[in-house]
Amino acid sequence: MALFFVRTLFILGCAFISYRTLDVFFSPLLSIIIGIFVGTVIILFEMGMKKVSLRGLSSSVFGLILGLIMAKLISDAFNLLPLNISILSLLKLTLTLIFCYLGFVIGLRGKDEFNIIIPYVRLRREKETEEIILLDTSIIIDGRIHDIYKTGFLEARMIIPRFVLKELQQIADSTDPIKRQRGRRGLEILHNLQQEMGVSISIHEEDFPQITEVDAKLIKLAKLLDAKILTVDFNLNRIATLQGVKVLNINELANALKPVVFPGETMQVRLIREGKEYNQAVGYLEDGTMVVVEDAYRLIGQEVKVVVTSVLQTQAGKMIFTKLER
């Protein structure tokens, strides 16, 4: 409603200015009509610029200013040549047009790398750095971030992109009961972080309409903000690392904190199910590490004492291969 009121005032202002300036050449009614027409055209042009972001506009203006400066410098150089005034004026006009166009286009194309505009200015003391961590959907749903934050290991500024929050809300509104439960759990985790622990979590409004995948948007934003991504998504971890973005993966942290075992050590484990190979049985340690026991299929459901034969470290975690103690 306020925008409609402002546009109406603008059209009335255009009509008044046109009436006062063009009444010498046209009739009062025609002057007012011309003013209304011009005001309407400008408003239609403004409505067509809805998709133009402030970041893109800022970078374009910066490129335009740079083009004007370059045109001025080169034009001044031509003043040293014995050229006709008309030719010199035409040359200056041409150079100004060319460099303004090039500057505007280059600034618009490079808007994603333009870090001087307001949303990305980071005013800080010399040698003082502010670490930024972006949260993705998987880490919010996972829930362990709540317990990790309690330990004090995460002291960086937390940011949730708007598109991640939107994806989390879509999961919470899903018709699938499992997805809906996971989404609501994620929203509850965020609420607990803010209310119980007083964590300041900012929501970043930047979106990239030309990019459809949420993971790709997250990596792009991390590059712009020079931020790290906190996740448990293995694929996102790999892709972000390949593109030079630092990733904090809680699963890797959990694997690193698991106790180290060596061949020859003994341990007790309860066998739960059969293994993939013949006569194998599988159990798990308290930290979730899988223990494969050879020749123990008959003992499933019992707690046995085993000897470690080898340890295999995989991307999914650690696997310990054992045999029954004799």
Protein backbone atom coordinates (compact mmCIF):
# COMPACT_ATOMS: atom_id res chain seq x y z
CA MET A 1 0.00 0.00 0.00
CA ALA A 2 2.84 2.38 0.85
CA LEU A 3 4.52 1.61 -2.49
CA PHE A 4 1.28 2.38 -4.36
CA PHE A 5 1.03 5.69 -2.53
CA VAL A 6 4.62 6.64 -3.43
CA ARG A 7 4.09 5.74 -7.09
CA THR A 8 0.91 7.82 -7.20
CA LEU A 9 2.74 10.83 -5.76
CA PHE A 10 5.51 10.33 -8.31
CA ILE A 11 3.07 10.36 -11.24
CA LEU A 12 1.34 13.48 -9.87
CA GLY A 13 4.76 15.13 -9.47
CA CYS A 14 5.66 14.29 -13.09
CA ALA A 15 2.33 15.71 -14.26
CA PHE A 16 2.90 18.95 -12.31
CA ILE A 17 6.47 19.40 -13.61
CA SER A 18 5.36 18.69 -17.17
CA TYR A 19 2.50 21.20 -16.81
CA ARG A 20 4.86 23.93 -15.59
CA THR A 21 7.59 23.30 -18.19
CA LEU A 22 5.70 22.29 -21.35
CA ASP A 23 2.71 24.62 -21.20
CA VAL A 24 4.64 27.00 -23.47
CA PHE A 25 4.69 24.42 -26.27
CA PHE A 26 1.51 22.44 -25.63
CA SER A 27 -1.91 22.93 -24.12
CA PRO A 28 -2.21 22.46 -20.35
CA LEU A 29 -4.14 19.20 -20.74
CA LEU A 30 -1.60 17.73 -23.20
CA SER A 31 1.27 18.78 -20.94
CA ILE A 32 -0.32 16.95 -18.00
CA ILE A 33 -0.92 13.83 -20.16
CA ILE A 34 2.73 13.83 -21.26
CA GLY A 35 3.84 14.07 -17.63
CA ILE A 36 1.57 11.17 -16.60
CA PHE A 37 2.82 9.09 -19.54
CA VAL A 38 6.48 9.69 -18.69
CA GLY A 39 5.87 8.90 -15.00
CA THR A 40 4.03 5.69 -15.90
CA VAL A 41 6.86 4.56 -18.22
CA ILE A 42 9.42 5.15 -15.47
CA ILE A 43 7.33 3.17 -12.96
CA LEU A 44 6.91 0.29 -15.43
CA PHE A 45 10.67 0.30 -15.93
CA GLU A 46 11.16 0.22 -12.16
CA MET A 47 8.73 -2.71 -11.81
CA GLY A 48 10.67 -4.59 -14.48
CA MET A 49 13.84 -4.27 -12.38
CA LYS A 50 12.49 -6.43 -9.52
CA LYS A 51 14.95 -9.22 -10.34
CA VAL A 52 17.94 -6.87 -10.24
CA SER A 53 19.70 -7.41 -6.91
CA LEU A 54 21.35 -4.65 -4.91
CA ARG A 55 24.64 -6.50 -5.28
CA GLY A 56 24.34 -6.54 -9.08
CA LEU A 57 23.32 -2.87 -9.21
CA SER A 58 26.20 -1.86 -6.92
CA SER A 59 28.80 -3.71 -8.95
CA SER A 60 27.41 -2.27 -12.20
CA VAL A 61 27.59 1.29 -10.86
CA PHE A 62 31.16 0.64 -9.73
CA GLY A 63 32.02 -0.63 -13.23
CA LEU A 64 30.34 2.42 -14.79
CA ILE A 65 32.39 4.79 -12.63
CA LEU A 66 35.56 2.91 -13.53
CA GLY A 67 34.64 3.20 -17.22
CA LEU A 68 34.14 6.96 -16.91
CA ILE A 69 37.55 7.34 -15.25
CA MET A 70 39.27 5.31 -17.98
CA ALA A 71 37.52 7.31 -20.73
CA LYS A 72 38.57 10.57 -19.07
CA LEU A 73 42.23 9.51 -18.83
CA ILE A 74 42.44 8.36 -22.44
CA SER A 75 40.54 11.42 -23.71
CA ASP A 76 43.00 13.72 -21.94
CA ALA A 77 45.82 11.96 -23.75
CA PHE A 78 44.22 12.77 -27.13
CA ASN A 79 44.19 16.48 -26.16
CA LEU A 80 47.93 16.48 -26.79
CA LEU A 81 47.38 15.66 -30.46
CA PRO A 82 46.69 18.44 -33.03
CA LEU A 83 43.13 17.34 -33.78
CA ASN A 84 40.13 19.36 -34.87
CA ILE A 85 37.78 20.33 -32.03
CA SER A 86 34.80 18.58 -33.62
CA ILE A 87 36.82 15.40 -34.20
CA LEU A 88 38.17 15.54 -30.66
CA SER A 89 34.67 15.96 -29.21
CA LEU A 90 33.38 13.02 -31.25
CA LEU A 91 36.36 10.93 -30.13
CA LYS A 92 35.73 11.75 -26.46
CA LEU A 93 32.05 10.88 -26.80
CA THR A 94 32.90 7.57 -28.49
CA LEU A 95 35.48 6.63 -25.86
CA THR A 96 33.09 7.53 -23.04
CA LEU A 97 30.35 5.38 -24.57
CA ILE A 98 32.67 2.40 -25.14
CA PHE A 99 34.33 2.43 -21.72
CA CYS A 100 31.07 3.02 -19.86
CA TYR A 101 29.53 0.05 -21.62
CA LEU A 102 32.53 -2.19 -20.95
CA GLY A 103 32.72 -1.12 -17.31
CA PHE A 104 28.99 -1.64 -16.77
CA VAL A 105 29.00 -5.13 -18.35
CA ILE A 106 32.20 -6.26 -16.61
CA GLY A 107 30.86 -5.06 -13.26
CA LEU A 108 27.55 -6.86 -13.82
CA ARG A 109 29.24 -10.12 -14.84
CA GLY A 110 31.59 -10.01 -11.88
CA LYS A 111 28.94 -9.20 -9.28
CA ASP A 112 29.52 -12.48 -7.43
CA GLU A 113 33.17 -11.59 -6.85
CA PHE A 114 32.45 -7.97 -6.00
CA ASN A 115 33.21 -7.81 -2.28
CA ILE A 116 33.24 -4.06 -1.69
CA ILE A 117 29.47 -3.59 -1.56
CA ILE A 118 27.55 -3.25 1.69
CA PRO A 119 26.43 -6.88 2.30
CA TYR A 120 30.01 -8.10 2.16
CA VAL A 121 31.99 -5.28 3.76
CA ARG A 122 33.75 -6.61 6.84
CA LEU A 123 35.05 -3.73 8.92
CA ARG A 124 37.57 -5.10 11.41
CA ARG A 125 40.79 -4.23 13.10
CA GLU A 126 44.02 -5.11 11.42
CA LYS A 127 44.97 -8.79 11.91
CA GLU A 128 41.57 -9.43 13.51
CA THR A 129 39.60 -12.19 11.80
CA GLU A 130 36.02 -13.31 12.24
CA GLU A 131 35.39 -16.92 11.47
CA ILE A 132 32.07 -17.65 9.79
CA ILE A 133 30.40 -21.06 9.66
CA LEU A 134 27.52 -21.84 7.32
CA LEU A 135 25.08 -24.51 8.47
CA ASP A 136 23.60 -26.87 5.89
CA THR A 137 20.35 -28.82 6.21
CA SER A 138 21.97 -32.14 7.14
CA ILE A 139 23.88 -30.74 10.14
CA ILE A 140 20.73 -29.11 11.51
CA ILE A 141 18.69 -32.31 11.23
CA ASP A 142 21.56 -34.41 12.61
CA GLY A 143 21.25 -32.66 15.99
CA ARG A 144 24.76 -33.29 17.30
CA ILE A 145 25.64 -29.65 16.77
CA HIS A 146 23.71 -28.90 19.97
CA ASP A 147 25.97 -31.16 22.06
CA ILE A 148 29.15 -30.03 20.29
CA TYR A 149 28.33 -26.37 20.90
CA LYS A 150 27.99 -27.12 24.61
CA THR A 151 31.63 -28.21 24.72
CA GLY A 152 32.81 -24.78 23.51
CA PHE A 153 34.62 -26.06 20.41
CA LEU A 154 32.45 -23.94 18.11
CA GLU A 155 32.88 -20.24 18.81
CA ALA A 156 32.51 -18.92 15.27
CA ARG A 157 29.62 -16.85 13.97
CA MET A 158 26.80 -19.13 12.81
CA ILE A 159 24.93 -18.27 9.61
CA ILE A 160 21.99 -20.10 8.04
CA PRO A 161 21.27 -19.13 4.42
CA ARG A 162 17.64 -18.39 3.67
CA PHE A 163 17.54 -21.16 1.02
CA VAL A 164 18.69 -23.73 3.62
CA LEU A 165 15.98 -22.60 6.02
CA LYS A 166 13.45 -22.85 3.20
CA GLU A 167 14.57 -26.42 2.41
CA LEU A 168 14.29 -27.34 6.10
CA GLN A 169 10.76 -25.92 6.21
CA GLN A 170 9.80 -27.93 3.11
CA ILE A 171 11.06 -31.09 4.80
CA ALA A 172 9.08 -30.25 7.94
CA ASP A 173 5.93 -29.80 5.82
CA SER A 174 6.49 -33.02 3.83
CA THR A 175 3.71 -35.59 3.49
CA ASP A 176 6.25 -38.31 4.29
CA PRO A 177 6.05 -38.82 8.09
CA ILE A 178 9.76 -39.67 8.41
CA LYS A 179 10.87 -36.56 6.49
CA ARG A 180 8.37 -34.43 8.40
CA GLN A 181 9.74 -35.69 11.71
CA ARG A 182 13.34 -34.98 10.63
CA GLY A 183 12.44 -31.46 9.49
CA ARG A 184 10.64 -30.64 12.74
CA ARG A 185 13.58 -32.03 14.69
CA GLY A 186 15.88 -29.64 12.81
CA LEU A 187 13.68 -26.65 13.60
CA GLU A 188 13.60 -27.71 17.25
CA ILE A 189 17.41 -27.94 17.32
CA LEU A 190 17.68 -24.37 16.00
CA HIS A 191 15.18 -23.19 18.61
CA ASN A 192 17.14 -24.87 21.40
CA LEU A 193 20.41 -23.34 20.22
CA GLN A 194 18.94 -19.86 20.25
CA GLN A 195 16.74 -20.04 23.34
CA GLU A 196 18.54 -22.40 25.73
CA MET A 197 22.15 -21.65 24.84
CA GLY A 198 21.82 -18.08 23.58
CA VAL A 199 23.61 -18.81 20.31
CA SER A 200 23.43 -15.93 17.86
CA ILE A 201 22.40 -17.47 14.54
CA SER A 202 22.10 -15.04 11.62
CA ILE A 203 19.95 -15.67 8.55
CA HIS A 204 21.62 -14.65 5.29
CA GLU A 205 19.20 -13.43 2.64
CA GLU A 206 21.47 -13.87 -0.39
CA ASP A 207 20.11 -16.27 -3.01
CA PHE A 208 21.39 -17.34 -6.40
CA PRO A 209 18.38 -17.73 -8.74
CA GLN A 210 20.56 -19.05 -11.56
CA ILE A 211 21.64 -21.99 -9.36
CA THR A 212 19.02 -24.64 -8.61
CA GLU A 213 20.84 -27.02 -6.23
CA VAL A 214 21.03 -26.04 -2.56
CA ASP A 215 24.53 -27.54 -2.16
CA ALA A 216 25.85 -25.49 -5.08
CA LYS A 217 24.32 -22.33 -3.60
CA LEU A 218 25.91 -23.10 -0.24
CA ILE A 219 29.36 -23.51 -1.80
CA LYS A 220 28.95 -20.27 -3.77
CA LEU A 221 27.97 -18.34 -0.64
CA ALA A 222 30.85 -19.87 1.32
CA LYS A 223 33.27 -18.58 -1.31
CA LEU A 224 31.80 -15.09 -1.18
CA LEU A 225 31.87 -14.87 2.61
CA ASP A 226 35.16 -16.77 2.98
CA ALA A 227 33.28 -19.09 5.34
CA LYS A 228 33.46 -22.73 6.36
CA ILE A 229 30.61 -25.21 5.87
CA LEU A 230 29.48 -27.36 8.79
CA THR A 231 27.89 -30.56 7.51
CA VAL A 232 27.55 -34.33 7.77
CA ASP A 233 26.85 -34.71 4.03
CA PHE A 234 29.66 -36.76 2.47
CA ASN A 235 28.97 -35.61 -1.12
CA LEU A 236 28.83 -31.93 -0.13
CA ASN A 237 32.10 -32.43 1.74
CA ARG A 238 33.83 -33.80 -1.35
CA ILE A 239 32.47 -31.21 -3.81
CA ALA A 240 33.19 -28.25 -1.52
CA THR A 241 36.74 -29.46 -0.85
CA LEU A 242 37.40 -29.81 -4.58
CA GLN A 243 36.34 -26.17 -5.04
CA GLY A 244 38.63 -24.91 -2.29
CA VAL A 245 35.97 -24.40 0.41
CA LYS A 246 36.85 -25.47 3.94
CA VAL A 247 34.46 -28.02 5.42
CA LEU A 248 33.88 -29.10 9.02
CA ASN A 249 32.41 -32.60 8.92
CA ILE A 250 31.10 -33.91 12.24
CA ASN A 251 31.34 -37.50 11.02
CA GLU A 252 35.08 -37.05 10.43
CA LEU A 253 35.37 -35.53 13.91
CA ALA A 254 33.55 -38.51 15.42
CA ASN A 255 35.81 -40.97 13.56
CA ALA A 256 38.91 -39.11 14.74
CA LEU A 257 37.76 -39.37 18.37
CA LYS A 258 37.21 -43.12 18.28
CA PRO A 259 39.75 -45.13 20.29
CA VAL A 260 42.70 -46.53 18.37
CA VAL A 261 43.06 -50.31 18.33
CA PHE A 262 45.95 -52.39 17.08
CA PRO A 263 46.23 -55.97 15.83
CA GLY A 264 46.61 -58.37 18.74
CA GLU A 265 44.45 -56.41 21.20
CA THR A 266 41.48 -58.14 22.79
CA MET A 267 38.00 -56.77 23.36
CA GLN A 268 34.49 -57.88 24.20
CA VAL A 269 31.62 -57.35 21.80
CA ARG A 270 28.04 -58.51 21.56
CA LEU A 271 27.23 -60.10 18.20
CA ILE A 272 24.04 -58.76 16.65
CA ARG A 273 23.74 -60.06 13.10
CA GLU A 274 25.48 -62.08 10.43
CA GLY A 275 28.18 -60.58 8.23
CA LYS A 276 28.47 -60.37 4.45
CA GLU A 277 30.95 -63.24 4.17
CA TYR A 278 30.33 -66.87 5.09
CA ASN A 279 30.19 -67.67 8.83
CA GLN A 280 30.86 -64.04 9.86
CA ALA A 281 29.09 -62.22 12.68
CA VAL A 282 28.90 -58.48 13.29
CA GLY A 283 28.79 -56.46 16.48
CA TYR A 284 29.27 -52.79 17.41
CA LEU A 285 31.28 -50.94 20.02
CA GLU A 286 29.68 -48.24 22.17
CA ASP A 287 30.89 -45.52 19.78
CA GLY A 288 29.27 -47.26 16.80
CA THR A 289 32.41 -48.85 15.33
CA MET A 290 31.60 -52.04 13.41
CA VAL A 291 33.38 -55.19 14.54
CA VAL A 292 33.45 -58.16 12.15
CA VAL A 293 34.17 -61.54 13.78
CA GLU A 294 35.27 -64.54 11.71
CA ASP A 295 33.76 -67.99 12.28
CA ALA A 296 31.22 -66.64 14.80
CA TYR A 297 27.86 -67.03 13.06
CA ARG A 298 26.73 -69.64 15.61
CA LEU A 299 27.34 -67.17 18.46
CA ILE A 300 25.00 -64.38 17.28
CA GLY A 301 23.16 -62.95 20.28
CA GLN A 302 26.01 -63.66 22.66
CA GLU A 303 28.81 -61.51 24.05
CA VAL A 304 32.22 -62.88 23.06
CA LYS A 305 35.87 -62.07 23.57
CA VAL A 306 37.76 -61.43 20.33
CA VAL A 307 41.28 -60.62 19.12
CA VAL A 308 41.84 -57.80 16.62
CA THR A 309 43.41 -58.98 13.35
CA SER A 310 43.19 -55.78 11.24
CA VAL A 311 41.60 -52.35 11.10
CA LEU A 312 40.12 -50.80 7.96
CA GLN A 313 39.51 -47.05 7.79
CA THR A 314 36.87 -46.06 5.23
CA GLN A 315 35.09 -42.82 4.38
CA ALA A 316 32.02 -44.13 6.19
CA GLY A 317 33.98 -44.95 9.34
CA LYS A 318 36.24 -47.54 10.90
CA MET A 319 35.80 -51.33 10.61
CA ILE A 320 37.61 -53.72 12.95
CA PHE A 321 38.19 -57.31 11.81
CA THR A 322 38.64 -59.87 14.57
CA LYS A 323 38.67 -63.56 15.39
CA LEU A 324 37.46 -65.47 18.41
CA GLU A 325 39.95 -65.69 21.23
CA ARG A 326 41.15 -69.26 21.74
